[in-house]
Amino acid sequence: MKTQVLDLIHELGNCQAACNNYFNTFLYEKNIHVIKDCIKLDKKCAEICGLNISSVTSNSFIKKEVLKLCTIICKKCVGEWKKFHYDHCQECAWICEGSGQACKNYA
């Protein structure tokens, strides 16, 4: 595989793992209502990143559309996480931003 594809897969895998981790971690927070939109986006972002890995590695006929969708959802995740100034929120925003940029560059 070309380096650009491997870099994309790496970014997508990091984002998928981070989003799944934060989804599972924050699901049990006392004040879940404060971050519920972030949690919902995390789950969807992880799912789309996984779909994206599959579509890119199999050279699917829908890979361009999935790349675009991933760019959009990662951008939304970044916007939500940046509303909170905790380190873990900023970390997730940073990881999602990297994934979204990688999708945009690859598309």
C-alpha atoms as a PDB file:
ATOM      1  CA  MET A   1       0.000   0.000   0.000  1.00  0.00           C
ATOM      2  CA  LYS A   2       1.092   3.523  -0.661  1.00  0.00           C
ATOM      3  CA  THR A   3       2.315   5.658   2.220  1.00  0.00           C
ATOM      4  CA  GLN A   4      -0.619   8.073   1.882  1.00  0.00           C
ATOM      5  CA  VAL A   5      -3.117   5.224   2.273  1.00  0.00           C
ATOM      6  CA  LEU A   6      -1.244   3.836   5.273  1.00  0.00           C
ATOM      7  CA  ASP A   7      -1.137   7.288   6.873  1.00  0.00           C
ATOM      8  CA  LEU A   8      -4.879   7.667   6.300  1.00  0.00           C
ATOM      9  CA  ILE A   9      -5.608   4.257   7.811  1.00  0.00           C
ATOM     10  CA  HIS A  10      -3.421   5.123  10.799  1.00  0.00           C
ATOM     11  CA  GLU A  11      -5.293   8.410  11.399  1.00  0.00           C
ATOM     12  CA  LEU A  12      -8.674   6.720  10.978  1.00  0.00           C
ATOM     13  CA  GLY A  13      -7.728   3.923  13.351  1.00  0.00           C
ATOM     14  CA  ASN A  14      -6.554   6.419  15.972  1.00  0.00           C
ATOM     15  CA  CYS A  15      -9.771   8.378  15.658  1.00  0.00           C
ATOM     16  CA  GLN A  16     -11.938   5.270  15.813  1.00  0.00           C
ATOM     17  CA  ALA A  17     -10.134   4.030  18.918  1.00  0.00           C
ATOM     18  CA  ALA A  18     -10.221   7.424  20.651  1.00  0.00           C
ATOM     19  CA  CYS A  19     -13.896   7.985  19.902  1.00  0.00           C
ATOM     20  CA  ASN A  20     -14.855   4.495  21.091  1.00  0.00           C
ATOM     21  CA  ASN A  21     -12.774   4.997  24.225  1.00  0.00           C
ATOM     22  CA  TYR A  22     -14.345   8.359  25.053  1.00  0.00           C
ATOM     23  CA  PHE A  23     -17.809   7.065  24.244  1.00  0.00           C
ATOM     24  CA  ASN A  24     -17.392   4.180  26.684  1.00  0.00           C
ATOM     25  CA  THR A  25     -15.701   6.326  29.329  1.00  0.00           C
ATOM     26  CA  PHE A  26     -18.166   9.215  29.325  1.00  0.00           C
ATOM     27  CA  LEU A  27     -21.249   7.031  29.093  1.00  0.00           C
ATOM     28  CA  TYR A  28     -21.089   6.607  32.871  1.00  0.00           C
ATOM     29  CA  GLU A  29     -20.399  10.222  33.848  1.00  0.00           C
ATOM     30  CA  LYS A  30     -22.655  11.795  36.480  1.00  0.00           C
ATOM     31  CA  ASN A  31     -23.296  14.895  34.369  1.00  0.00           C
ATOM     32  CA  ILE A  32     -23.778  13.037  31.114  1.00  0.00           C
ATOM     33  CA  HIS A  33     -26.376  15.542  29.929  1.00  0.00           C
ATOM     34  CA  VAL A  34     -23.637  18.183  29.567  1.00  0.00           C
ATOM     35  CA  ILE A  35     -21.685  16.129  27.038  1.00  0.00           C
ATOM     36  CA  LYS A  36     -24.431  14.002  25.501  1.00  0.00           C
ATOM     37  CA  ASP A  37     -23.980  15.529  22.027  1.00  0.00           C
ATOM     38  CA  CYS A  38     -20.262  14.725  22.162  1.00  0.00           C
ATOM     39  CA  ILE A  39     -20.978  11.170  23.189  1.00  0.00           C
ATOM     40  CA  LYS A  40     -23.444  10.664  20.342  1.00  0.00           C
ATOM     41  CA  LEU A  41     -20.973  12.115  17.851  1.00  0.00           C
ATOM     42  CA  ASP A  42     -18.174   9.943  19.217  1.00  0.00           C
ATOM     43  CA  LYS A  43     -20.105   6.782  18.505  1.00  0.00           C
ATOM     44  CA  LYS A  44     -21.018   7.863  14.976  1.00  0.00           C
ATOM     45  CA  CYS A  45     -17.502   9.133  14.275  1.00  0.00           C
ATOM     46  CA  ALA A  46     -16.007   5.786  15.337  1.00  0.00           C
ATOM     47  CA  GLU A  47     -18.467   3.936  13.096  1.00  0.00           C
ATOM     48  CA  ILE A  48     -17.733   6.152  10.085  1.00  0.00           C
ATOM     49  CA  CYS A  49     -13.961   5.870  10.606  1.00  0.00           C
ATOM     50  CA  GLY A  50     -14.325   2.079  10.603  1.00  0.00           C
ATOM     51  CA  LEU A  51     -16.415   2.177   7.447  1.00  0.00           C
ATOM     52  CA  ASN A  52     -13.846   4.473   5.900  1.00  0.00           C
ATOM     53  CA  ILE A  53     -10.984   2.070   6.651  1.00  0.00           C
ATOM     54  CA  SER A  54     -12.967  -0.696   5.007  1.00  0.00           C
ATOM     55  CA  SER A  55     -13.927   1.344   1.944  1.00  0.00           C
ATOM     56  CA  VAL A  56     -10.386   2.630   1.360  1.00  0.00           C
ATOM     57  CA  THR A  57      -8.629  -0.705   1.856  1.00  0.00           C
ATOM     58  CA  SER A  58     -11.078  -2.500  -0.428  1.00  0.00           C
ATOM     59  CA  ASN A  59     -11.015   0.334  -2.987  1.00  0.00           C
ATOM     60  CA  SER A  60     -14.802   0.489  -2.749  1.00  0.00           C
ATOM     61  CA  PHE A  61     -16.813   2.378  -5.337  1.00  0.00           C
ATOM     62  CA  ILE A  62     -18.204   4.542  -2.489  1.00  0.00           C
ATOM     63  CA  LYS A  63     -14.862   5.462  -0.926  1.00  0.00           C
ATOM     64  CA  LYS A  64     -15.003   9.101  -2.101  1.00  0.00           C
ATOM     65  CA  GLU A  65     -18.428   9.572  -0.500  1.00  0.00           C
ATOM     66  CA  VAL A  66     -17.321   7.884   2.724  1.00  0.00           C
ATOM     67  CA  LEU A  67     -14.192  10.064   2.835  1.00  0.00           C
ATOM     68  CA  LYS A  68     -16.368  13.153   2.495  1.00  0.00           C
ATOM     69  CA  LEU A  69     -18.755  11.927   5.188  1.00  0.00           C
ATOM     70  CA  CYS A  70     -15.831  11.216   7.503  1.00  0.00           C
ATOM     71  CA  THR A  71     -14.456  14.725   6.934  1.00  0.00           C
ATOM     72  CA  ILE A  72     -17.837  16.179   7.893  1.00  0.00           C
ATOM     73  CA  ILE A  73     -18.377  14.114  11.038  1.00  0.00           C
ATOM     74  CA  CYS A  74     -14.802  14.609  12.251  1.00  0.00           C
ATOM     75  CA  LYS A  75     -15.253  18.363  11.846  1.00  0.00           C
ATOM     76  CA  LYS A  76     -18.472  18.194  13.884  1.00  0.00           C
ATOM     77  CA  CYS A  77     -16.693  16.191  16.594  1.00  0.00           C
ATOM     78  CA  VAL A  78     -13.908  18.764  16.751  1.00  0.00           C
ATOM     79  CA  GLY A  79     -16.467  21.551  17.137  1.00  0.00           C
ATOM     80  CA  GLU A  80     -18.238  19.788  19.978  1.00  0.00           C
ATOM     81  CA  TRP A  81     -15.107  18.766  21.880  1.00  0.00           C
ATOM     82  CA  LYS A  82     -13.542  22.205  21.617  1.00  0.00           C
ATOM     83  CA  LYS A  83     -16.455  23.590  23.627  1.00  0.00           C
ATOM     84  CA  PHE A  84     -14.906  21.906  26.678  1.00  0.00           C
ATOM     85  CA  HIS A  85     -11.499  22.858  28.008  1.00  0.00           C
ATOM     86  CA  TYR A  86     -10.579  19.598  29.695  1.00  0.00           C
ATOM     87  CA  ASP A  87      -7.404  17.912  28.444  1.00  0.00           C
ATOM     88  CA  HIS A  88      -9.192  14.733  27.368  1.00  0.00           C
ATOM     89  CA  CYS A  89     -11.731  16.751  25.356  1.00  0.00           C
ATOM     90  CA  GLN A  90      -8.985  18.693  23.614  1.00  0.00           C
ATOM     91  CA  GLU A  91      -7.141  15.441  22.923  1.00  0.00           C
ATOM     92  CA  CYS A  92     -10.183  13.926  21.233  1.00  0.00           C
ATOM     93  CA  ALA A  93     -10.688  17.127  19.225  1.00  0.00           C
ATOM     94  CA  TRP A  94      -7.052  16.989  18.102  1.00  0.00           C
ATOM     95  CA  ILE A  95      -7.307  13.322  17.062  1.00  0.00           C
ATOM     96  CA  CYS A  96     -10.573  13.898  15.167  1.00  0.00           C
ATOM     97  CA  GLU A  97      -9.068  16.937  13.480  1.00  0.00           C
ATOM     98  CA  GLY A  98      -6.146  14.831  12.249  1.00  0.00           C
ATOM     99  CA  SER A  99      -8.473  12.178  10.893  1.00  0.00           C
ATOM    100  CA  GLY A 100     -10.721  14.689   9.159  1.00  0.00           C
ATOM    101  CA  GLN A 101      -7.724  16.420   7.573  1.00  0.00           C
ATOM    102  CA  ALA A 102      -6.293  13.092   6.414  1.00  0.00           C
ATOM    103  CA  CYS A 103      -9.631  12.239   4.753  1.00  0.00           C
ATOM    104  CA  LYS A 104      -9.769  15.626   3.090  1.00  0.00           C
ATOM    105  CA  ASN A 105      -6.202  15.303   1.818  1.00  0.00           C
ATOM    106  CA  TYR A 106      -6.798  11.811   0.487  1.00  0.00           C
ATOM    107  CA  ALA A 107     -10.117  12.552  -1.249  1.00  0.00           C
END
